[in-house]
Amino acid sequence: MKGAKKPVVLSPHLVSPGNEGLSEFEFGMIVCWNAFNEWLERGTKAAGHGDLTFMDVVVLHQVAHRARNRKLADICFVLNLADTHSVSYSLKKLLAAKLVTGQKVGKEVLYQTTPDGEKVIANYREVRERCLLGIIEDDMKPAMSEFARFFVRMSGLYDQAARAASSL
């Protein structure tokens, strides 16, 4: 069939007839995830903190969210991360870098950003505005919120499928 659109997929052996879109979505998500990961680390490096990993940066932004104290469990819950060890390790690095502080309240530790952490975030925002926002085309903007809702819906489906797979 000349001119027929073939799906762009990472793993053609996983494509199920009638569900090619899922494989296309997964490939696009992988490519986008890797680019986003690279951007977040390089953007943070340009903002003056090159020793932070992707997870460190995400955790820093979550701790700063709405200027509320955050517990480890809350950070993991919001980010949909079951691996508390990775988040805990990032928090230890952020504490050592003096970008967050931790205050023990009962058995929990509540984390908040320090002025240095807030400065890194402000610098990152400037880098983001300078390097990323200007290249987003106007026709892409309306779809971004829609994509975000779609990703949240898909995360629910993947969570459900993961639970089902763990019981096989």
N, C-alpha and C. Protein backbone atom coordinates (compact mmCIF):
# COMPACT_ATOMS: atom_id res chain seq x y z
N MET A 1 0.83 -1.18 0.00
CA MET A 1 0.00 0.00 0.00
C MET A 1 0.88 1.24 0.00
N LYS A 2 0.93 1.91 -1.10
CA LYS A 2 1.77 3.09 -1.21
C LYS A 2 1.12 4.26 -0.50
N GLY A 3 1.93 4.98 0.25
CA GLY A 3 1.44 6.16 0.94
C GLY A 3 0.72 5.88 2.25
N ALA A 4 0.59 4.61 2.62
CA ALA A 4 -0.07 4.29 3.89
C ALA A 4 0.83 4.72 5.04
N LYS A 5 0.21 5.30 6.04
CA LYS A 5 0.96 5.78 7.20
C LYS A 5 1.27 4.60 8.12
N LYS A 6 2.57 4.36 8.33
CA LYS A 6 2.99 3.30 9.24
C LYS A 6 3.20 3.91 10.61
N PRO A 7 2.80 3.21 11.64
CA PRO A 7 3.03 3.75 12.99
C PRO A 7 4.52 3.82 13.30
N VAL A 8 4.89 4.86 14.03
CA VAL A 8 6.27 5.02 14.49
C VAL A 8 6.31 4.44 15.90
N VAL A 9 6.94 3.28 16.02
CA VAL A 9 6.94 2.58 17.30
C VAL A 9 8.34 2.12 17.66
N LEU A 10 8.58 1.93 18.94
CA LEU A 10 9.87 1.44 19.42
C LEU A 10 9.96 -0.07 19.26
N SER A 11 8.86 -0.75 19.51
CA SER A 11 8.85 -2.21 19.54
C SER A 11 7.73 -2.76 18.66
N PRO A 12 7.99 -2.91 17.35
CA PRO A 12 6.93 -3.40 16.46
C PRO A 12 6.36 -4.74 16.90
N HIS A 13 7.15 -5.54 17.59
CA HIS A 13 6.68 -6.85 18.04
C HIS A 13 5.60 -6.75 19.12
N LEU A 14 5.39 -5.55 19.68
CA LEU A 14 4.35 -5.37 20.70
C LEU A 14 3.06 -4.78 20.13
N VAL A 15 3.09 -4.39 18.86
CA VAL A 15 1.92 -3.75 18.27
C VAL A 15 0.81 -4.77 18.11
N SER A 16 -0.36 -4.45 18.68
CA SER A 16 -1.54 -5.29 18.54
C SER A 16 -2.46 -4.65 17.51
N PRO A 17 -2.99 -5.44 16.58
CA PRO A 17 -3.90 -4.88 15.57
C PRO A 17 -5.04 -4.10 16.23
N GLY A 18 -5.26 -2.91 15.73
CA GLY A 18 -6.31 -2.05 16.27
C GLY A 18 -5.84 -1.18 17.42
N ASN A 19 -4.65 -1.44 17.93
CA ASN A 19 -4.11 -0.65 19.05
C ASN A 19 -2.73 -0.10 18.73
N GLU A 20 -2.50 0.21 17.47
CA GLU A 20 -1.21 0.76 17.07
C GLU A 20 -0.92 2.08 17.79
N GLY A 21 -1.98 2.83 18.06
CA GLY A 21 -1.82 4.12 18.73
C GLY A 21 -1.15 4.01 20.08
N LEU A 22 -1.41 2.93 20.81
CA LEU A 22 -0.77 2.76 22.12
C LEU A 22 0.74 2.63 21.96
N SER A 23 1.18 1.84 20.98
CA SER A 23 2.61 1.69 20.75
C SER A 23 3.23 3.00 20.30
N GLU A 24 2.52 3.76 19.48
CA GLU A 24 3.01 5.08 19.06
C GLU A 24 3.10 6.01 20.26
N PHE A 25 2.09 5.98 21.11
CA PHE A 25 2.08 6.80 22.31
C PHE A 25 3.27 6.45 23.20
N GLU A 26 3.49 5.15 23.42
CA GLU A 26 4.59 4.73 24.29
C GLU A 26 5.94 5.17 23.74
N PHE A 27 6.13 5.04 22.43
CA PHE A 27 7.39 5.49 21.84
C PHE A 27 7.56 7.00 22.01
N GLY A 28 6.50 7.74 21.70
CA GLY A 28 6.55 9.19 21.86
C GLY A 28 6.82 9.59 23.30
N MET A 29 6.20 8.86 24.24
CA MET A 29 6.39 9.16 25.65
C MET A 29 7.85 8.90 26.07
N ILE A 30 8.42 7.82 25.59
CA ILE A 30 9.82 7.50 25.93
C ILE A 30 10.75 8.58 25.40
N VAL A 31 10.56 8.97 24.14
CA VAL A 31 11.42 9.98 23.53
C VAL A 31 11.24 11.32 24.25
N CYS A 32 10.00 11.68 24.53
CA CYS A 32 9.72 12.94 25.23
C CYS A 32 10.29 12.91 26.65
N TRP A 33 10.11 11.80 27.35
CA TRP A 33 10.62 11.65 28.71
C TRP A 33 12.13 11.86 28.74
N ASN A 34 12.83 11.21 27.81
CA ASN A 34 14.29 11.34 27.79
C ASN A 34 14.72 12.77 27.47
N ALA A 35 14.02 13.42 26.56
CA ALA A 35 14.34 14.82 26.23
C ALA A 35 14.03 15.72 27.42
N PHE A 36 12.91 15.48 28.10
CA PHE A 36 12.55 16.28 29.27
C PHE A 36 13.57 16.10 30.38
N ASN A 37 13.98 14.86 30.60
CA ASN A 37 14.99 14.55 31.61
C ASN A 37 16.27 15.34 31.31
N GLU A 38 16.71 15.28 30.07
CA GLU A 38 17.92 16.00 29.65
C GLU A 38 17.75 17.50 29.84
N TRP A 39 16.59 18.02 29.43
CA TRP A 39 16.32 19.45 29.56
C TRP A 39 16.36 19.88 31.03
N LEU A 40 15.70 19.13 31.89
CA LEU A 40 15.62 19.52 33.30
C LEU A 40 17.01 19.56 33.94
N GLU A 41 17.83 18.58 33.64
CA GLU A 41 19.18 18.58 34.20
C GLU A 41 20.03 19.71 33.62
N ARG A 42 19.98 19.91 32.30
CA ARG A 42 20.79 20.97 31.68
C ARG A 42 20.27 22.36 32.04
N GLY A 43 18.95 22.49 32.12
CA GLY A 43 18.37 23.76 32.53
C GLY A 43 18.78 24.13 33.94
N THR A 44 18.81 23.14 34.82
CA THR A 44 19.23 23.38 36.20
C THR A 44 20.72 23.69 36.27
N LYS A 45 21.50 23.02 35.43
CA LYS A 45 22.93 23.31 35.38
C LYS A 45 23.15 24.76 34.93
N ALA A 46 22.41 25.18 33.90
CA ALA A 46 22.52 26.57 33.43
C ALA A 46 22.06 27.55 34.50
N ALA A 47 21.19 27.08 35.40
CA ALA A 47 20.70 27.93 36.49
C ALA A 47 21.68 27.97 37.66
N GLY A 48 22.80 27.24 37.53
CA GLY A 48 23.83 27.33 38.55
C GLY A 48 23.96 26.14 39.46
N HIS A 49 23.27 25.03 39.14
CA HIS A 49 23.38 23.85 40.00
C HIS A 49 23.48 22.59 39.16
N GLY A 50 24.67 22.33 38.63
CA GLY A 50 24.89 21.22 37.73
C GLY A 50 25.04 19.87 38.37
N ASP A 51 25.08 19.81 39.69
CA ASP A 51 25.29 18.53 40.36
C ASP A 51 23.99 17.84 40.75
N LEU A 52 22.86 18.33 40.25
CA LEU A 52 21.57 17.73 40.59
C LEU A 52 21.09 16.82 39.46
N THR A 53 20.57 15.67 39.84
CA THR A 53 19.98 14.75 38.87
C THR A 53 18.54 15.16 38.59
N PHE A 54 17.97 14.50 37.61
CA PHE A 54 16.57 14.74 37.29
C PHE A 54 15.69 14.60 38.53
N MET A 55 15.87 13.50 39.26
CA MET A 55 15.04 13.25 40.45
C MET A 55 15.25 14.34 41.50
N ASP A 56 16.48 14.78 41.69
CA ASP A 56 16.76 15.84 42.65
C ASP A 56 15.99 17.11 42.30
N VAL A 57 16.00 17.45 41.01
CA VAL A 57 15.33 18.68 40.56
C VAL A 57 13.82 18.57 40.74
N VAL A 58 13.26 17.43 40.37
CA VAL A 58 11.82 17.23 40.52
C VAL A 58 11.42 17.31 41.99
N VAL A 59 12.21 16.69 42.85
CA VAL A 59 11.92 16.72 44.29
C VAL A 59 12.04 18.15 44.82
N LEU A 60 13.06 18.88 44.40
CA LEU A 60 13.22 20.28 44.83
C LEU A 60 11.99 21.10 44.45
N HIS A 61 11.52 20.96 43.22
CA HIS A 61 10.34 21.71 42.79
C HIS A 61 9.10 21.30 43.58
N GLN A 62 8.98 20.01 43.89
CA GLN A 62 7.82 19.56 44.66
C GLN A 62 7.87 20.06 46.09
N VAL A 63 9.05 20.09 46.68
CA VAL A 63 9.18 20.63 48.04
C VAL A 63 8.77 22.10 48.04
N ALA A 64 9.13 22.82 47.00
CA ALA A 64 8.82 24.26 46.92
C ALA A 64 7.36 24.54 46.58
N HIS A 65 6.66 23.56 46.05
CA HIS A 65 5.28 23.76 45.58
C HIS A 65 4.39 24.35 46.67
N ARG A 66 3.81 25.48 46.38
CA ARG A 66 2.90 26.20 47.28
C ARG A 66 3.50 26.55 48.64
N ALA A 67 4.82 26.53 48.72
CA ALA A 67 5.54 26.93 49.95
C ALA A 67 5.00 26.24 51.20
N ARG A 68 4.66 24.96 51.06
CA ARG A 68 4.19 24.18 52.21
C ARG A 68 5.26 23.17 52.60
N ASN A 69 5.31 22.85 53.87
CA ASN A 69 6.21 21.79 54.31
C ASN A 69 5.72 20.47 53.73
N ARG A 70 6.67 19.64 53.30
CA ARG A 70 6.33 18.37 52.65
C ARG A 70 6.95 17.19 53.38
N LYS A 71 6.17 16.13 53.52
CA LYS A 71 6.68 14.87 54.05
C LYS A 71 7.13 14.01 52.87
N LEU A 72 8.04 13.10 53.13
CA LEU A 72 8.51 12.16 52.11
C LEU A 72 7.34 11.46 51.45
N ALA A 73 6.42 10.96 52.25
CA ALA A 73 5.27 10.22 51.70
C ALA A 73 4.43 11.10 50.79
N ASP A 74 4.26 12.37 51.15
CA ASP A 74 3.48 13.29 50.32
C ASP A 74 4.16 13.55 48.98
N ILE A 75 5.47 13.73 49.02
CA ILE A 75 6.22 13.96 47.78
C ILE A 75 6.07 12.75 46.86
N CYS A 76 6.26 11.57 47.41
CA CYS A 76 6.13 10.34 46.62
C CYS A 76 4.72 10.18 46.06
N PHE A 77 3.72 10.48 46.88
CA PHE A 77 2.33 10.34 46.45
C PHE A 77 2.02 11.27 45.29
N VAL A 78 2.37 12.54 45.42
CA VAL A 78 2.07 13.52 44.37
C VAL A 78 2.78 13.17 43.07
N LEU A 79 4.02 12.71 43.17
CA LEU A 79 4.79 12.38 41.98
C LEU A 79 4.52 10.96 41.48
N ASN A 80 3.66 10.22 42.18
CA ASN A 80 3.31 8.85 41.81
C ASN A 80 4.55 7.96 41.77
N LEU A 81 5.37 8.08 42.80
CA LEU A 81 6.60 7.31 42.89
C LEU A 81 6.51 6.32 44.05
N ALA A 82 6.64 5.04 43.73
CA ALA A 82 6.63 4.02 44.77
C ALA A 82 8.01 3.87 45.40
N ASP A 83 9.05 4.30 44.69
CA ASP A 83 10.42 4.14 45.14
C ASP A 83 10.80 5.26 46.10
N THR A 84 10.44 5.09 47.37
CA THR A 84 10.73 6.13 48.36
C THR A 84 12.24 6.29 48.58
N HIS A 85 13.01 5.24 48.30
CA HIS A 85 14.45 5.33 48.51
C HIS A 85 15.09 6.37 47.59
N SER A 86 14.65 6.44 46.33
CA SER A 86 15.19 7.43 45.39
C SER A 86 14.87 8.84 45.85
N VAL A 87 13.64 9.04 46.30
CA VAL A 87 13.23 10.36 46.76
C VAL A 87 13.97 10.71 48.05
N SER A 88 14.11 9.75 48.94
CA SER A 88 14.85 9.97 50.19
C SER A 88 16.30 10.34 49.90
N TYR A 89 16.92 9.66 48.94
CA TYR A 89 18.29 9.96 48.56
C TYR A 89 18.39 11.38 48.00
N SER A 90 17.44 11.76 47.16
CA SER A 90 17.43 13.13 46.62
C SER A 90 17.28 14.15 47.73
N LEU A 91 16.41 13.88 48.69
CA LEU A 91 16.24 14.80 49.81
C LEU A 91 17.55 14.95 50.60
N LYS A 92 18.27 13.84 50.80
CA LYS A 92 19.56 13.91 51.51
C LYS A 92 20.55 14.78 50.73
N LYS A 93 20.57 14.63 49.41
CA LYS A 93 21.46 15.46 48.59
C LYS A 93 21.05 16.93 48.66
N LEU A 94 19.75 17.19 48.61
CA LEU A 94 19.27 18.57 48.68
C LEU A 94 19.56 19.18 50.05
N LEU A 95 19.46 18.38 51.10
CA LEU A 95 19.82 18.84 52.45
C LEU A 95 21.31 19.19 52.51
N ALA A 96 22.14 18.30 51.98
CA ALA A 96 23.59 18.52 51.99
C ALA A 96 23.98 19.76 51.19
N ALA A 97 23.23 20.02 50.10
CA ALA A 97 23.50 21.19 49.26
C ALA A 97 22.87 22.45 49.85
N LYS A 98 22.17 22.29 50.96
CA LYS A 98 21.50 23.41 51.64
C LYS A 98 20.43 24.07 50.76
N LEU A 99 19.76 23.24 49.95
CA LEU A 99 18.66 23.73 49.12
C LEU A 99 17.31 23.48 49.78
N VAL A 100 17.28 22.54 50.72
CA VAL A 100 16.09 22.30 51.54
C VAL A 100 16.53 22.13 52.99
N THR A 101 15.59 22.29 53.89
CA THR A 101 15.82 21.98 55.30
C THR A 101 14.80 20.94 55.70
N GLY A 102 15.11 20.22 56.76
CA GLY A 102 14.19 19.23 57.28
C GLY A 102 13.97 19.47 58.76
N GLN A 103 12.71 19.42 59.16
CA GLN A 103 12.36 19.62 60.57
C GLN A 103 11.59 18.40 61.03
N LYS A 104 12.11 17.76 62.07
CA LYS A 104 11.46 16.56 62.60
C LYS A 104 10.25 16.97 63.43
N VAL A 105 9.10 16.40 63.08
CA VAL A 105 7.86 16.63 63.82
C VAL A 105 7.30 15.25 64.12
N GLY A 106 7.44 14.83 65.37
CA GLY A 106 7.05 13.47 65.73
C GLY A 106 7.97 12.48 65.03
N LYS A 107 7.37 11.54 64.30
CA LYS A 107 8.16 10.55 63.57
C LYS A 107 8.47 11.00 62.14
N GLU A 108 7.85 12.08 61.72
CA GLU A 108 7.99 12.57 60.34
C GLU A 108 9.03 13.67 60.25
N VAL A 109 9.59 13.84 59.07
CA VAL A 109 10.44 14.99 58.77
C VAL A 109 9.70 15.81 57.73
N LEU A 110 9.56 17.10 58.02
CA LEU A 110 8.92 18.02 57.08
C LEU A 110 10.00 18.82 56.38
N TYR A 111 9.93 18.86 55.05
CA TYR A 111 10.94 19.54 54.25
C TYR A 111 10.39 20.83 53.68
N GLN A 112 11.28 21.81 53.57
CA GLN A 112 10.92 23.06 52.90
C GLN A 112 12.17 23.61 52.22
N THR A 113 11.97 24.45 51.23
CA THR A 113 13.11 25.02 50.52
C THR A 113 13.77 26.10 51.36
N THR A 114 15.06 26.25 51.17
CA THR A 114 15.83 27.32 51.80
C THR A 114 15.87 28.50 50.81
N PRO A 115 16.35 29.64 51.26
CA PRO A 115 16.54 30.75 50.31
C PRO A 115 17.44 30.35 49.12
N ASP A 116 18.47 29.53 49.37
CA ASP A 116 19.31 29.06 48.27
C ASP A 116 18.52 28.17 47.31
N GLY A 117 17.66 27.31 47.85
CA GLY A 117 16.81 26.47 47.02
C GLY A 117 15.86 27.30 46.18
N GLU A 118 15.29 28.31 46.80
CA GLU A 118 14.38 29.21 46.08
C GLU A 118 15.12 29.97 44.98
N LYS A 119 16.39 30.30 45.24
CA LYS A 119 17.18 30.99 44.22
C LYS A 119 17.44 30.08 43.02
N VAL A 120 17.76 28.82 43.28
CA VAL A 120 17.96 27.86 42.19
C VAL A 120 16.69 27.76 41.35
N ILE A 121 15.54 27.69 42.02
CA ILE A 121 14.27 27.59 41.31
C ILE A 121 14.00 28.85 40.49
N ALA A 122 14.27 30.01 41.06
CA ALA A 122 14.07 31.27 40.33
C ALA A 122 15.00 31.35 39.13
N ASN A 123 16.26 30.93 39.31
CA ASN A 123 17.21 30.93 38.19
C ASN A 123 16.77 29.96 37.10
N TYR A 124 16.28 28.78 37.53
CA TYR A 124 15.78 27.80 36.56
C TYR A 124 14.61 28.38 35.77
N ARG A 125 13.74 29.07 36.46
CA ARG A 125 12.59 29.68 35.79
C ARG A 125 13.06 30.66 34.71
N GLU A 126 14.08 31.45 35.02
CA GLU A 126 14.63 32.39 34.04
C GLU A 126 15.20 31.65 32.84
N VAL A 127 15.94 30.58 33.09
CA VAL A 127 16.51 29.78 32.01
C VAL A 127 15.39 29.16 31.18
N ARG A 128 14.37 28.66 31.85
CA ARG A 128 13.21 28.06 31.17
C ARG A 128 12.53 29.07 30.27
N GLU A 129 12.32 30.27 30.78
CA GLU A 129 11.67 31.31 29.98
C GLU A 129 12.54 31.70 28.80
N ARG A 130 13.83 31.75 29.01
CA ARG A 130 14.75 32.16 27.96
C ARG A 130 14.93 31.09 26.88
N CYS A 131 15.03 29.84 27.29
CA CYS A 131 15.38 28.77 26.35
C CYS A 131 14.20 27.96 25.82
N LEU A 132 13.15 27.82 26.61
CA LEU A 132 12.06 26.92 26.23
C LEU A 132 10.80 27.65 25.80
N LEU A 133 10.35 28.59 26.60
CA LEU A 133 9.05 29.21 26.32
C LEU A 133 9.01 29.90 24.97
N GLY A 134 10.11 30.48 24.56
CA GLY A 134 10.14 31.19 23.29
C GLY A 134 10.04 30.31 22.06
N ILE A 135 10.31 29.02 22.20
CA ILE A 135 10.25 28.14 21.04
C ILE A 135 8.96 27.32 20.97
N ILE A 136 8.10 27.52 21.95
CA ILE A 136 6.80 26.84 21.91
C ILE A 136 5.90 27.62 20.95
N GLU A 137 5.44 26.94 19.93
CA GLU A 137 4.61 27.59 18.92
C GLU A 137 3.21 27.83 19.48
N ASP A 138 2.60 28.92 19.05
CA ASP A 138 1.28 29.31 19.56
C ASP A 138 0.24 28.21 19.37
N ASP A 139 0.29 27.49 18.25
CA ASP A 139 -0.72 26.46 18.01
C ASP A 139 -0.53 25.24 18.92
N MET A 140 0.59 25.15 19.61
CA MET A 140 0.83 24.05 20.55
C MET A 140 0.23 24.32 21.92
N LYS A 141 0.10 25.59 22.27
CA LYS A 141 -0.29 25.97 23.63
C LYS A 141 -1.65 25.43 24.07
N PRO A 142 -2.70 25.53 23.24
CA PRO A 142 -4.00 25.02 23.71
C PRO A 142 -3.99 23.52 24.00
N ALA A 143 -3.17 22.77 23.29
CA ALA A 143 -3.17 21.32 23.46
C ALA A 143 -2.41 20.87 24.71
N MET A 144 -1.57 21.72 25.26
CA MET A 144 -0.72 21.29 26.38
C MET A 144 -1.52 20.86 27.61
N SER A 145 -2.53 21.62 27.98
CA SER A 145 -3.36 21.23 29.13
C SER A 145 -4.11 19.94 28.84
N GLU A 146 -4.55 19.80 27.59
CA GLU A 146 -5.24 18.58 27.19
C GLU A 146 -4.29 17.38 27.29
N PHE A 147 -3.07 17.55 26.82
CA PHE A 147 -2.07 16.48 26.92
C PHE A 147 -1.80 16.13 28.38
N ALA A 148 -1.70 17.13 29.23
CA ALA A 148 -1.45 16.88 30.65
C ALA A 148 -2.56 16.02 31.25
N ARG A 149 -3.81 16.36 30.94
CA ARG A 149 -4.93 15.55 31.45
C ARG A 149 -4.86 14.13 30.88
N PHE A 150 -4.49 14.02 29.60
CA PHE A 150 -4.37 12.71 28.97
C PHE A 150 -3.28 11.88 29.65
N PHE A 151 -2.14 12.50 29.94
CA PHE A 151 -1.06 11.79 30.62
C PHE A 151 -1.49 11.31 32.01
N VAL A 152 -2.24 12.12 32.72
CA VAL A 152 -2.74 11.72 34.04
C VAL A 152 -3.68 10.52 33.89
N ARG A 153 -4.55 10.56 32.89
CA ARG A 153 -5.45 9.42 32.65
C ARG A 153 -4.66 8.17 32.30
N MET A 154 -3.66 8.33 31.44
CA MET A 154 -2.84 7.17 31.06
C MET A 154 -2.07 6.63 32.25
N SER A 155 -1.60 7.50 33.14
CA SER A 155 -0.87 7.01 34.32
C SER A 155 -1.79 6.14 35.17
N GLY A 156 -3.06 6.50 35.25
CA GLY A 156 -4.02 5.66 35.97
C GLY A 156 -4.17 4.29 35.33
N LEU A 157 -4.21 4.26 34.00
CA LEU A 157 -4.32 2.97 33.30
C LEU A 157 -3.06 2.12 33.50
N TYR A 158 -1.90 2.77 33.40
CA TYR A 158 -0.65 2.02 33.62
C TYR A 158 -0.54 1.53 35.06
N ASP A 159 -0.99 2.34 36.02
CA ASP A 159 -1.00 1.89 37.43
C ASP A 159 -1.89 0.67 37.59
N GLN A 160 -3.07 0.73 36.99
CA GLN A 160 -4.01 -0.38 37.08
C GLN A 160 -3.42 -1.63 36.42
N ALA A 161 -2.81 -1.47 35.26
CA ALA A 161 -2.20 -2.60 34.56
C ALA A 161 -1.03 -3.17 35.37
N ALA A 162 -0.26 -2.30 36.03
CA ALA A 162 0.86 -2.77 36.85
C ALA A 162 0.35 -3.60 38.03
N ARG A 163 -0.74 -3.15 38.65
CA ARG A 163 -1.31 -3.93 39.75
C ARG A 163 -1.79 -5.28 39.25
N ALA A 164 -2.44 -5.29 38.09
CA ALA A 164 -2.92 -6.55 37.52
C ALA A 164 -1.74 -7.47 37.20
N ALA A 165 -0.68 -6.91 36.63
CA ALA A 165 0.49 -7.72 36.26
C ALA A 165 1.17 -8.30 37.49
N SER A 166 1.16 -7.57 38.60
CA SER A 166 1.83 -8.08 39.80
C SER A 166 1.09 -9.25 40.42
N SER A 167 -0.16 -9.44 40.04
CA SER A 167 -0.92 -10.56 40.60
C SER A 167 -0.97 -11.75 39.65
N LEU A 168 -0.27 -11.67 38.54
CA LEU A 168 -0.25 -12.81 37.60
C LEU A 168 0.67 -13.90 38.08
